[in-house]
Amino acid sequence: MIIRVCSLLAAFAVFLCAEVVEATAKSFYADENAGETILSGSAKIVRGKDVLRGDRITILFTKERDIRKYESKGASSFNVTIDENSQYIGEADEIVYLPSEGTYSLKGRAWVEDPINQRKVMGDQIVFNEKTRVAQVNGEQSAPVKLIFTIKDRNETKP
């Protein structure tokens, strides 16, 4: 059993560009046959500067042992640094990340913030692609989409 867990952790650590990945939680469950790993209780995954947190994080693998999907449920949040000019943080009741597409889907009381460019969007559902930097936000009738951003003072742009 220990060998299986170690082999799963080794496969997990090699998933993106052979970067070191650190996963912590109060409990860990792995089913190598099903290609599923579940981290429960204050789960956290760190890869470089990127962090995914949640009460429960499920990691689904392909047959080739590449990570197909992350699903974070309950008090979910993420921090992603794309480059020195692009950093995104967000929270939702549920976050799904598809690494091959670079797509984050946030559901339930969702928000994503770009602190470098001082932008924030809130809604019930947010789909954000870190590769294309395209976002789609949907609200509810009782809670419409909200966008907050900073613009330059008109006096700053006058000669």
C-alpha atoms as a PDB file:
ATOM      1  CA  MET A   1       0.000   0.000   0.000  1.00  0.00           C
ATOM      2  CA  ILE A   2       2.797   2.418   0.866  1.00  0.00           C
ATOM      3  CA  ILE A   3       4.430   1.747  -2.512  1.00  0.00           C
ATOM      4  CA  ARG A   4       1.162   2.562  -4.316  1.00  0.00           C
ATOM      5  CA  VAL A   5       0.743   5.803  -2.393  1.00  0.00           C
ATOM      6  CA  CYS A   6       4.371   6.751  -3.108  1.00  0.00           C
ATOM      7  CA  SER A   7       3.956   5.969  -6.811  1.00  0.00           C
ATOM      8  CA  LEU A   8       0.770   8.054  -6.917  1.00  0.00           C
ATOM      9  CA  LEU A   9       2.491  10.937  -5.192  1.00  0.00           C
ATOM     10  CA  ALA A  10       5.444  10.665  -7.591  1.00  0.00           C
ATOM     11  CA  ALA A  11       3.098  10.711 -10.594  1.00  0.00           C
ATOM     12  CA  PHE A  12       1.282  13.646  -9.031  1.00  0.00           C
ATOM     13  CA  ALA A  13       4.527  15.598  -8.588  1.00  0.00           C
ATOM     14  CA  VAL A  14       5.540  15.200 -12.231  1.00  0.00           C
ATOM     15  CA  PHE A  15       2.271  16.451 -13.729  1.00  0.00           C
ATOM     16  CA  LEU A  16       3.180  19.866 -15.174  1.00  0.00           C
ATOM     17  CA  CYS A  17       6.640  20.568 -16.526  1.00  0.00           C
ATOM     18  CA  ALA A  18       8.106  18.328 -13.834  1.00  0.00           C
ATOM     19  CA  GLU A  19       7.523  21.025 -11.237  1.00  0.00           C
ATOM     20  CA  VAL A  20       7.416  20.110  -7.596  1.00  0.00           C
ATOM     21  CA  VAL A  21       3.880  19.920  -6.259  1.00  0.00           C
ATOM     22  CA  GLU A  22       3.040  19.930  -2.573  1.00  0.00           C
ATOM     23  CA  ALA A  23      -0.352  18.626  -1.458  1.00  0.00           C
ATOM     24  CA  THR A  24      -1.521  18.825   2.148  1.00  0.00           C
ATOM     25  CA  ALA A  25      -4.780  17.856   3.829  1.00  0.00           C
ATOM     26  CA  LYS A  26      -6.116  16.208   6.946  1.00  0.00           C
ATOM     27  CA  SER A  27      -6.816  13.015   4.987  1.00  0.00           C
ATOM     28  CA  PHE A  28      -5.686  11.479   1.719  1.00  0.00           C
ATOM     29  CA  TYR A  29      -7.422   8.807  -0.385  1.00  0.00           C
ATOM     30  CA  ALA A  30      -6.115   7.389  -3.655  1.00  0.00           C
ATOM     31  CA  ASP A  31      -7.633   4.886  -6.077  1.00  0.00           C
ATOM     32  CA  GLU A  32      -4.998   4.164  -8.708  1.00  0.00           C
ATOM     33  CA  ASN A  33      -7.393   1.993 -10.751  1.00  0.00           C
ATOM     34  CA  ALA A  34      -9.989   4.754 -10.953  1.00  0.00           C
ATOM     35  CA  GLY A  35      -7.354   7.471 -11.455  1.00  0.00           C
ATOM     36  CA  GLU A  36      -8.676   9.472  -8.532  1.00  0.00           C
ATOM     37  CA  THR A  37      -7.074  11.139  -5.529  1.00  0.00           C
ATOM     38  CA  ILE A  38      -9.100  12.898  -2.825  1.00  0.00           C
ATOM     39  CA  LEU A  39      -7.657  15.355  -0.324  1.00  0.00           C
ATOM     40  CA  SER A  40     -10.057  16.200   2.517  1.00  0.00           C
ATOM     41  CA  GLY A  41      -9.969  18.697   5.352  1.00  0.00           C
ATOM     42  CA  SER A  42      -8.189  21.997   4.714  1.00  0.00           C
ATOM     43  CA  ALA A  43      -6.829  20.672   1.418  1.00  0.00           C
ATOM     44  CA  LYS A  44      -4.138  22.691  -0.323  1.00  0.00           C
ATOM     45  CA  ILE A  45      -2.140  22.125  -3.499  1.00  0.00           C
ATOM     46  CA  VAL A  46       0.907  24.286  -4.253  1.00  0.00           C
ATOM     47  CA  ARG A  47       2.777  24.290  -7.585  1.00  0.00           C
ATOM     48  CA  GLY A  48       5.363  27.036  -7.827  1.00  0.00           C
ATOM     49  CA  LYS A  49       3.504  30.266  -7.048  1.00  0.00           C
ATOM     50  CA  ASP A  50       0.099  28.734  -7.820  1.00  0.00           C
ATOM     51  CA  VAL A  51      -2.162  27.569  -4.981  1.00  0.00           C
ATOM     52  CA  LEU A  52      -5.538  25.792  -4.897  1.00  0.00           C
ATOM     53  CA  ARG A  53      -7.392  25.428  -1.584  1.00  0.00           C
ATOM     54  CA  GLY A  54     -10.653  23.813  -0.556  1.00  0.00           C
ATOM     55  CA  ASP A  55     -12.389  21.725   2.059  1.00  0.00           C
ATOM     56  CA  ARG A  56     -12.117  18.800  -0.374  1.00  0.00           C
ATOM     57  CA  ILE A  57     -10.016  18.594  -3.545  1.00  0.00           C
ATOM     58  CA  THR A  58     -10.456  15.725  -5.994  1.00  0.00           C
ATOM     59  CA  ILE A  59      -7.754  15.125  -8.598  1.00  0.00           C
ATOM     60  CA  LEU A  60      -8.675  13.041 -11.643  1.00  0.00           C
ATOM     61  CA  PHE A  61      -5.935  11.449 -13.744  1.00  0.00           C
ATOM     62  CA  THR A  62      -5.869  10.159 -17.331  1.00  0.00           C
ATOM     63  CA  LYS A  63      -4.757   6.591 -18.100  1.00  0.00           C
ATOM     64  CA  GLU A  64      -1.336   8.089 -18.869  1.00  0.00           C
ATOM     65  CA  ARG A  65      -1.314   9.520 -15.312  1.00  0.00           C
ATOM     66  CA  ASP A  66      -1.553  13.127 -16.435  1.00  0.00           C
ATOM     67  CA  ILE A  67      -3.851  15.307 -14.374  1.00  0.00           C
ATOM     68  CA  ARG A  68      -7.134  15.756 -16.210  1.00  0.00           C
ATOM     69  CA  LYS A  69      -9.071  17.787 -13.658  1.00  0.00           C
ATOM     70  CA  TYR A  70      -8.992  19.361 -10.200  1.00  0.00           C
ATOM     71  CA  GLU A  71     -12.291  19.806  -8.370  1.00  0.00           C
ATOM     72  CA  SER A  72     -12.284  21.880  -5.190  1.00  0.00           C
ATOM     73  CA  LYS A  73     -15.444  22.026  -3.104  1.00  0.00           C
ATOM     74  CA  GLY A  74     -16.300  24.032  -0.011  1.00  0.00           C
ATOM     75  CA  ALA A  75     -14.487  27.273   0.867  1.00  0.00           C
ATOM     76  CA  SER A  76     -12.479  27.069  -2.359  1.00  0.00           C
ATOM     77  CA  SER A  77      -9.866  29.597  -3.438  1.00  0.00           C
ATOM     78  CA  PHE A  78      -6.940  29.934  -5.812  1.00  0.00           C
ATOM     79  CA  ASN A  79      -3.923  32.139  -6.549  1.00  0.00           C
ATOM     80  CA  VAL A  80      -2.401  31.966 -10.035  1.00  0.00           C
ATOM     81  CA  THR A  81       0.625  33.860 -11.321  1.00  0.00           C
ATOM     82  CA  ILE A  82       0.859  33.754 -15.120  1.00  0.00           C
ATOM     83  CA  ASP A  83       3.729  36.216 -15.486  1.00  0.00           C
ATOM     84  CA  GLU A  84       5.079  39.300 -13.707  1.00  0.00           C
ATOM     85  CA  ASN A  85       2.148  41.383 -15.012  1.00  0.00           C
ATOM     86  CA  SER A  86      -0.618  38.846 -14.445  1.00  0.00           C
ATOM     87  CA  GLN A  87      -1.744  37.471 -11.130  1.00  0.00           C
ATOM     88  CA  TYR A  88      -5.257  36.261 -10.361  1.00  0.00           C
ATOM     89  CA  ILE A  89      -6.890  35.331  -7.074  1.00  0.00           C
ATOM     90  CA  GLY A  90     -10.398  34.040  -6.615  1.00  0.00           C
ATOM     91  CA  GLU A  91     -12.927  32.314  -4.409  1.00  0.00           C
ATOM     92  CA  ALA A  92     -16.109  30.308  -4.896  1.00  0.00           C
ATOM     93  CA  ASP A  93     -18.124  27.495  -3.377  1.00  0.00           C
ATOM     94  CA  GLU A  94     -16.711  25.206  -6.072  1.00  0.00           C
ATOM     95  CA  ILE A  95     -13.713  25.540  -8.395  1.00  0.00           C
ATOM     96  CA  VAL A  96     -12.915  23.200 -11.282  1.00  0.00           C
ATOM     97  CA  TYR A  97      -9.556  23.534 -13.044  1.00  0.00           C
ATOM     98  CA  LEU A  98      -8.746  21.805 -16.341  1.00  0.00           C
ATOM     99  CA  PRO A  99      -4.938  22.009 -16.744  1.00  0.00           C
ATOM    100  CA  SER A 100      -4.854  20.985 -20.421  1.00  0.00           C
ATOM    101  CA  GLU A 101      -7.170  23.887 -21.313  1.00  0.00           C
ATOM    102  CA  GLY A 102      -6.018  26.322 -18.624  1.00  0.00           C
ATOM    103  CA  THR A 103      -9.671  26.856 -17.673  1.00  0.00           C
ATOM    104  CA  TYR A 104     -11.019  27.678 -14.213  1.00  0.00           C
ATOM    105  CA  SER A 105     -14.771  27.353 -13.604  1.00  0.00           C
ATOM    106  CA  LEU A 106     -16.051  28.946 -10.405  1.00  0.00           C
ATOM    107  CA  LYS A 107     -19.589  28.379  -9.123  1.00  0.00           C
ATOM    108  CA  GLY A 108     -21.469  29.890  -6.217  1.00  0.00           C
ATOM    109  CA  ARG A 109     -20.605  33.297  -4.731  1.00  0.00           C
ATOM    110  CA  ALA A 110     -17.665  33.524  -7.127  1.00  0.00           C
ATOM    111  CA  TRP A 111     -15.153  36.313  -7.602  1.00  0.00           C
ATOM    112  CA  VAL A 112     -11.846  36.742  -9.439  1.00  0.00           C
ATOM    113  CA  GLU A 113      -9.471  39.626  -8.849  1.00  0.00           C
ATOM    114  CA  ASP A 114      -6.488  40.913 -10.820  1.00  0.00           C
ATOM    115  CA  PRO A 115      -4.667  42.861  -8.067  1.00  0.00           C
ATOM    116  CA  ILE A 116      -1.899  44.094 -10.373  1.00  0.00           C
ATOM    117  CA  ASN A 117      -4.327  45.805 -12.783  1.00  0.00           C
ATOM    118  CA  GLN A 118      -6.887  46.581 -10.053  1.00  0.00           C
ATOM    119  CA  ARG A 119      -9.825  44.677 -11.545  1.00  0.00           C
ATOM    120  CA  LYS A 120     -12.376  42.433  -9.867  1.00  0.00           C
ATOM    121  CA  VAL A 121     -15.411  40.576 -11.181  1.00  0.00           C
ATOM    122  CA  MET A 122     -18.147  38.892  -9.140  1.00  0.00           C
ATOM    123  CA  GLY A 123     -21.004  36.612 -10.116  1.00  0.00           C
ATOM    124  CA  ASP A 124     -22.657  33.272  -9.539  1.00  0.00           C
ATOM    125  CA  GLN A 125     -20.582  31.561 -12.248  1.00  0.00           C
ATOM    126  CA  ILE A 126     -17.224  32.592 -13.687  1.00  0.00           C
ATOM    127  CA  VAL A 127     -15.277  30.777 -16.382  1.00  0.00           C
ATOM    128  CA  PHE A 128     -11.746  32.093 -16.806  1.00  0.00           C
ATOM    129  CA  ASN A 129      -9.057  30.839 -19.190  1.00  0.00           C
ATOM    130  CA  GLU A 130      -5.540  31.621 -18.000  1.00  0.00           C
ATOM    131  CA  LYS A 131      -4.058  30.969 -21.476  1.00  0.00           C
ATOM    132  CA  THR A 132      -6.391  33.175 -23.535  1.00  0.00           C
ATOM    133  CA  ARG A 133      -7.227  35.521 -20.612  1.00  0.00           C
ATOM    134  CA  VAL A 134     -10.886  35.424 -21.560  1.00  0.00           C
ATOM    135  CA  ALA A 135     -13.580  35.444 -18.880  1.00  0.00           C
ATOM    136  CA  GLN A 136     -17.330  34.786 -18.976  1.00  0.00           C
ATOM    137  CA  VAL A 137     -19.387  35.805 -15.947  1.00  0.00           C
ATOM    138  CA  ASN A 138     -23.025  34.990 -15.200  1.00  0.00           C
ATOM    139  CA  GLY A 139     -25.098  36.315 -12.345  1.00  0.00           C
ATOM    140  CA  GLU A 140     -28.484  35.536 -10.933  1.00  0.00           C
ATOM    141  CA  GLN A 141     -31.586  37.683 -11.001  1.00  0.00           C
ATOM    142  CA  SER A 142     -31.174  38.456  -7.312  1.00  0.00           C
ATOM    143  CA  ALA A 143     -27.401  38.985  -7.623  1.00  0.00           C
ATOM    144  CA  PRO A 144     -26.284  40.443 -10.961  1.00  0.00           C
ATOM    145  CA  VAL A 145     -22.706  40.406 -12.234  1.00  0.00           C
ATOM    146  CA  LYS A 146     -20.492  43.080 -10.738  1.00  0.00           C
ATOM    147  CA  LEU A 147     -17.292  44.493 -12.276  1.00  0.00           C
ATOM    148  CA  ILE A 148     -14.925  46.792 -10.392  1.00  0.00           C
ATOM    149  CA  PHE A 149     -11.971  48.456 -12.088  1.00  0.00           C
ATOM    150  CA  THR A 150      -9.742  51.517 -11.794  1.00  0.00           C
ATOM    151  CA  ILE A 151      -9.332  54.088 -14.544  1.00  0.00           C
ATOM    152  CA  LYS A 152      -6.785  56.854 -14.867  1.00  0.00           C
ATOM    153  CA  ASP A 153      -7.783  60.315 -13.728  1.00  0.00           C
ATOM    154  CA  ARG A 154      -8.698  62.455 -16.752  1.00  0.00           C
ATOM    155  CA  ASN A 155      -6.308  65.158 -15.542  1.00  0.00           C
ATOM    156  CA  GLU A 156      -3.390  62.692 -15.651  1.00  0.00           C
ATOM    157  CA  THR A 157      -3.811  62.153 -19.411  1.00  0.00           C
ATOM    158  CA  LYS A 158      -4.075  65.839 -20.384  1.00  0.00           C
ATOM    159  CA  PRO A 159      -0.934  67.585 -21.689  1.00  0.00           C
END
